Amino acid sequence: MIVYQSDYRDHWISPYAILKTVCFWEKYEDVFYNLDEKPDAPYEKWVKILTPICGAIKSVLDVIHPKIDYVKIHSHDIWSFDHSLAKIVLPALKQLKEDKHGSPYVELEDVPEELRCTGTEDYDAQDCFDFYHEDKADTYTMIEKRWDWVISEMIFAFEHLLDDSWEEEFKSGTLDMIHVPCEWDENGKPTMYQMERGPNDTFECDYDAIFKVHERMQNGFRLFGIYYMNLWS
């Protein structure tokens, strides 16, 4: 699989960004914007001078680094397509958790009881960004915690999908299995065998713990599907 995407390149250098950098002594950013549309605004002249220069720089960079959206799928990518996609999804989820700028609506039944709210007002307030409901810091903290928990469960699922060795944590001892005859023909020759533990077998496996991890993985994939449209930063 080959994936190359440069849809989000940003070649535009704002004249305001240049002025903010050069005029570092200005304490308030609003001074650079002509909000009242006054002809004698202190920086309006420089904005007009810099705007075409910024446009020319963007045009040159657009030619040097054009928009590219290219995906090539090879035949072996679909042999284990879940693993192929997981290699892209997992690092993206980790980056999203670090860089997210808001928390979407999360159904309360999708999170543990300790992350659920008790009031209708708190429930309705979920559909928000961090700059809403500023007077309810505790409410937003719970909203953010719920979304963090959901993303963490997605990450857990994809991490374990890509890790072929995680079940070894629940296994111990040495496996020693032998074939023991269980059926014979009329001449006494064995016709069927069954597997039994040999004399040197010390193998132990916590299948209940493995099953619980599988259940958690399935729930993580379920959450990924349900909240797929909320995977934005």
Protein backbone atom coordinates (compact mmCIF):
# COMPACT_ATOMS: atom_id res chain seq x y z
CA MET A 1 0.00 0.00 0.00
CA ILE A 2 1.22 3.48 -0.89
CA VAL A 3 -0.59 6.50 0.54
CA TYR A 4 0.49 10.04 -0.23
CA GLN A 5 -1.80 12.91 0.68
CA SER A 6 -0.95 16.59 0.75
CA ASP A 7 -4.45 18.05 0.80
CA TYR A 8 -3.73 20.07 3.89
CA ARG A 9 -0.61 21.88 2.76
CA ASP A 10 -0.66 25.52 3.85
CA HIS A 11 1.27 27.80 1.54
CA TRP A 12 -0.52 30.96 2.57
CA ILE A 13 1.56 33.22 4.75
CA SER A 14 -0.79 35.79 6.19
CA PRO A 15 0.32 39.44 6.17
CA TYR A 16 -1.05 39.66 9.71
CA ALA A 17 1.20 36.76 10.79
CA ILE A 18 4.20 38.63 9.34
CA LEU A 19 3.24 41.82 11.14
CA LYS A 20 2.74 40.01 14.45
CA THR A 21 6.23 38.55 14.14
CA VAL A 22 7.96 41.74 13.08
CA CYS A 23 6.09 44.05 15.44
CA PHE A 24 6.72 41.91 18.49
CA TRP A 25 6.32 44.88 20.84
CA GLU A 26 2.57 45.12 20.20
CA LYS A 27 0.72 43.53 23.13
CA TYR A 28 -2.69 43.21 21.48
CA GLU A 29 -3.28 41.45 18.16
CA ASP A 30 -6.36 43.53 17.33
CA VAL A 31 -4.10 46.48 16.54
CA PHE A 32 -3.12 44.78 13.27
CA TYR A 33 -6.72 44.39 12.09
CA ASN A 34 -8.63 47.38 10.74
CA LEU A 35 -11.82 46.36 12.55
CA ASP A 36 -13.38 49.81 12.29
CA GLU A 37 -12.31 50.16 8.62
CA LYS A 38 -10.49 53.42 9.28
CA PRO A 39 -8.33 54.72 6.40
CA ASP A 40 -5.60 55.80 8.82
CA ALA A 41 -5.36 52.51 10.75
CA PRO A 42 -1.72 52.08 11.86
CA TYR A 43 -0.97 48.87 9.96
CA GLU A 44 -3.52 48.95 7.14
CA LYS A 45 -0.95 50.33 4.68
CA TRP A 46 1.44 47.45 5.39
CA VAL A 47 -1.35 44.91 5.05
CA LYS A 48 -2.08 46.20 1.54
CA ILE A 49 1.63 46.06 0.63
CA LEU A 50 2.18 42.56 2.01
CA THR A 51 -1.01 40.93 0.65
CA PRO A 52 0.12 40.68 -3.04
CA ILE A 53 3.59 39.57 -1.90
CA CYS A 54 2.04 36.78 0.16
CA GLY A 55 -0.12 35.82 -2.82
CA ALA A 56 2.94 35.59 -5.09
CA ILE A 57 4.76 33.38 -2.56
CA LYS A 58 1.73 31.07 -2.38
CA SER A 59 1.57 30.78 -6.19
CA VAL A 60 5.23 29.77 -6.38
CA LEU A 61 4.91 27.21 -3.57
CA ASP A 62 1.75 25.75 -5.16
CA VAL A 63 3.80 24.96 -8.26
CA ILE A 64 6.73 23.53 -6.30
CA HIS A 65 4.52 21.45 -4.04
CA PRO A 66 1.16 20.85 -5.75
CA LYS A 67 -1.79 19.11 -4.19
CA ILE A 68 -1.37 15.33 -4.37
CA ASP A 69 -3.89 12.71 -3.33
CA TYR A 70 -2.58 9.28 -4.29
CA VAL A 71 -3.49 5.85 -2.97
CA LYS A 72 -2.13 2.59 -4.39
CA ILE A 73 -3.51 -0.71 -3.08
CA HIS A 74 -1.46 -3.84 -3.72
CA SER A 75 -2.93 -7.33 -3.81
CA HIS A 76 -1.25 -8.37 -0.56
CA ASP A 77 -2.81 -5.39 1.25
CA ILE A 78 -6.24 -7.06 1.18
CA TRP A 79 -5.02 -10.46 2.40
CA SER A 80 -5.29 -9.04 5.92
CA PHE A 81 -7.02 -5.80 5.14
CA ASP A 82 -7.84 -5.17 8.81
CA HIS A 83 -4.11 -5.15 9.62
CA SER A 84 -3.28 -2.99 6.61
CA LEU A 85 -5.76 -0.31 7.65
CA ALA A 86 -4.79 -0.57 11.32
CA LYS A 87 -1.24 0.53 10.47
CA ILE A 88 -2.70 3.84 9.26
CA VAL A 89 -5.54 4.20 11.76
CA LEU A 90 -3.51 3.59 14.93
CA PRO A 91 -0.93 6.42 14.58
CA ALA A 92 -3.71 8.76 13.40
CA LEU A 93 -5.80 8.01 16.51
CA LYS A 94 -2.80 8.63 18.77
CA GLN A 95 -2.14 11.96 17.06
CA LEU A 96 -5.82 12.90 17.32
CA LYS A 97 -5.82 12.24 21.05
CA GLU A 98 -2.84 14.58 21.47
CA ASP A 99 -4.01 17.38 19.18
CA LYS A 100 -7.82 17.44 19.47
CA HIS A 101 -9.43 20.84 20.00
CA GLY A 102 -12.89 19.75 21.05
CA SER A 103 -14.97 16.85 22.32
CA PRO A 104 -18.08 15.60 20.50
CA TYR A 105 -21.31 14.13 21.80
CA VAL A 106 -20.83 10.71 23.40
CA GLU A 107 -23.69 8.39 24.30
CA LEU A 108 -23.60 7.73 28.03
CA GLU A 109 -24.18 4.00 27.58
CA ASP A 110 -20.90 3.84 25.64
CA VAL A 111 -18.77 4.82 28.65
CA PRO A 112 -18.29 3.34 32.14
CA GLU A 113 -20.69 4.39 34.88
CA GLU A 114 -18.13 6.61 36.58
CA LEU A 115 -17.99 8.78 33.44
CA ARG A 116 -21.74 9.19 33.10
CA CYS A 117 -23.58 12.29 34.22
CA THR A 118 -26.76 12.32 36.24
CA GLY A 119 -28.48 15.49 35.06
CA THR A 120 -30.32 16.20 31.80
CA GLU A 121 -28.58 19.58 31.56
CA ASP A 122 -25.16 17.91 31.66
CA TYR A 123 -26.28 15.37 29.10
CA ASP A 124 -27.48 18.06 26.66
CA ALA A 125 -24.30 20.08 27.19
CA GLN A 126 -22.17 17.34 25.64
CA ASP A 127 -22.57 18.64 22.11
CA CYS A 128 -20.02 21.41 22.48
CA PHE A 129 -16.50 22.71 22.02
CA ASP A 130 -14.29 23.80 24.87
CA PHE A 131 -15.17 27.47 24.38
CA TYR A 132 -18.87 26.80 25.13
CA HIS A 133 -20.28 26.53 28.65
CA GLU A 134 -17.23 28.25 30.09
CA ASP A 135 -19.05 28.65 33.40
CA LYS A 136 -19.36 24.88 33.74
CA ALA A 137 -15.77 23.70 33.88
CA ASP A 138 -16.68 20.49 35.68
CA THR A 139 -19.28 19.61 33.06
CA TYR A 140 -16.84 20.03 30.20
CA THR A 141 -14.18 18.10 32.09
CA MET A 142 -16.51 15.09 32.11
CA ILE A 143 -17.33 15.59 28.42
CA GLU A 144 -13.63 15.62 27.59
CA LYS A 145 -12.96 12.59 29.79
CA ARG A 146 -15.66 10.62 28.00
CA TRP A 147 -14.20 11.37 24.58
CA ASP A 148 -10.67 10.61 25.81
CA TRP A 149 -11.91 7.27 27.11
CA VAL A 150 -13.56 6.44 23.77
CA ILE A 151 -10.40 7.27 21.79
CA SER A 152 -8.28 5.29 24.26
CA GLU A 153 -10.48 2.22 23.75
CA MET A 154 -10.11 2.57 19.97
CA ILE A 155 -6.33 2.79 20.37
CA PHE A 156 -6.34 -0.28 22.63
CA ALA A 157 -8.24 -2.28 20.01
CA PHE A 158 -5.96 -1.37 17.10
CA GLU A 159 -2.78 -1.82 19.16
CA HIS A 160 -3.78 -5.37 20.07
CA LEU A 161 -4.85 -6.12 16.51
CA LEU A 162 -1.33 -5.31 15.31
CA ASP A 163 0.36 -7.13 18.20
CA ASP A 164 0.44 -10.87 17.49
CA SER A 165 2.05 -11.65 20.82
CA TRP A 166 -0.32 -10.07 23.36
CA GLU A 167 -1.92 -13.42 24.28
CA GLU A 168 1.46 -14.71 25.52
CA GLU A 169 0.95 -12.58 28.61
CA PHE A 170 -1.74 -15.01 29.74
CA LYS A 171 0.18 -18.21 28.99
CA SER A 172 2.84 -20.03 30.97
CA GLY A 173 4.60 -23.39 31.11
CA THR A 174 5.59 -25.85 28.39
CA LEU A 175 3.17 -27.48 25.96
CA ASP A 176 3.57 -31.27 25.61
CA MET A 177 0.73 -32.98 23.75
CA ILE A 178 0.64 -36.63 22.68
CA HIS A 179 -1.60 -38.63 20.37
CA VAL A 180 -3.46 -41.38 22.19
CA PRO A 181 -5.49 -44.06 20.31
CA CYS A 182 -9.20 -43.90 21.02
CA GLU A 183 -10.66 -46.27 18.39
CA TRP A 184 -9.39 -49.51 16.86
CA ASP A 185 -10.35 -51.80 13.98
CA GLU A 186 -11.10 -55.52 14.24
CA ASN A 187 -7.38 -56.30 14.07
CA GLY A 188 -6.60 -54.02 16.99
CA LYS A 189 -5.01 -51.36 14.80
CA PRO A 190 -5.70 -47.78 15.94
CA THR A 191 -8.00 -45.93 13.54
CA MET A 192 -8.45 -42.71 15.49
CA TYR A 193 -6.36 -40.70 17.93
CA GLN A 194 -7.10 -37.98 20.42
CA MET A 195 -4.84 -35.29 21.83
CA GLU A 196 -3.93 -35.55 25.50
CA ARG A 197 -1.49 -33.81 27.77
CA GLY A 198 1.89 -35.50 27.89
CA PRO A 199 3.96 -36.20 30.99
CA ASN A 200 6.03 -33.04 30.55
CA ASP A 201 3.10 -30.74 29.93
CA THR A 202 2.99 -27.75 32.29
CA PHE A 203 1.11 -25.40 29.98
CA GLU A 204 -1.45 -23.07 31.56
CA CYS A 205 -3.60 -20.45 29.84
CA ASP A 206 -6.02 -17.92 31.29
CA TYR A 207 -8.66 -18.17 28.57
CA ASP A 208 -11.12 -16.02 30.53
CA ALA A 209 -8.64 -13.13 30.55
CA ILE A 210 -7.98 -13.55 26.81
CA PHE A 211 -11.72 -13.55 26.15
CA LYS A 212 -12.10 -10.30 28.12
CA VAL A 213 -9.38 -8.65 26.02
CA HIS A 214 -11.11 -9.83 22.84
CA GLU A 215 -14.38 -8.36 24.11
CA ARG A 216 -12.65 -5.05 24.84
CA MET A 217 -11.11 -5.06 21.35
CA GLN A 218 -14.50 -5.68 19.75
CA ASN A 219 -15.97 -2.82 21.76
CA GLY A 220 -13.13 -0.56 20.62
CA PHE A 221 -13.86 -1.41 16.97
CA ARG A 222 -17.58 -0.84 17.63
CA LEU A 223 -16.83 2.62 19.05
CA PHE A 224 -14.61 3.36 16.03
CA GLY A 225 -17.56 2.67 13.74
CA ILE A 226 -20.09 4.58 15.82
CA TYR A 227 -17.93 7.69 16.26
CA TYR A 228 -16.18 7.59 12.89
CA MET A 229 -17.79 10.90 11.87
CA ASN A 230 -16.42 12.51 15.05
CA LEU A 231 -12.78 11.78 14.26
CA TRP A 232 -11.77 15.38 13.73
CA SER A 233 -9.36 17.67 15.52
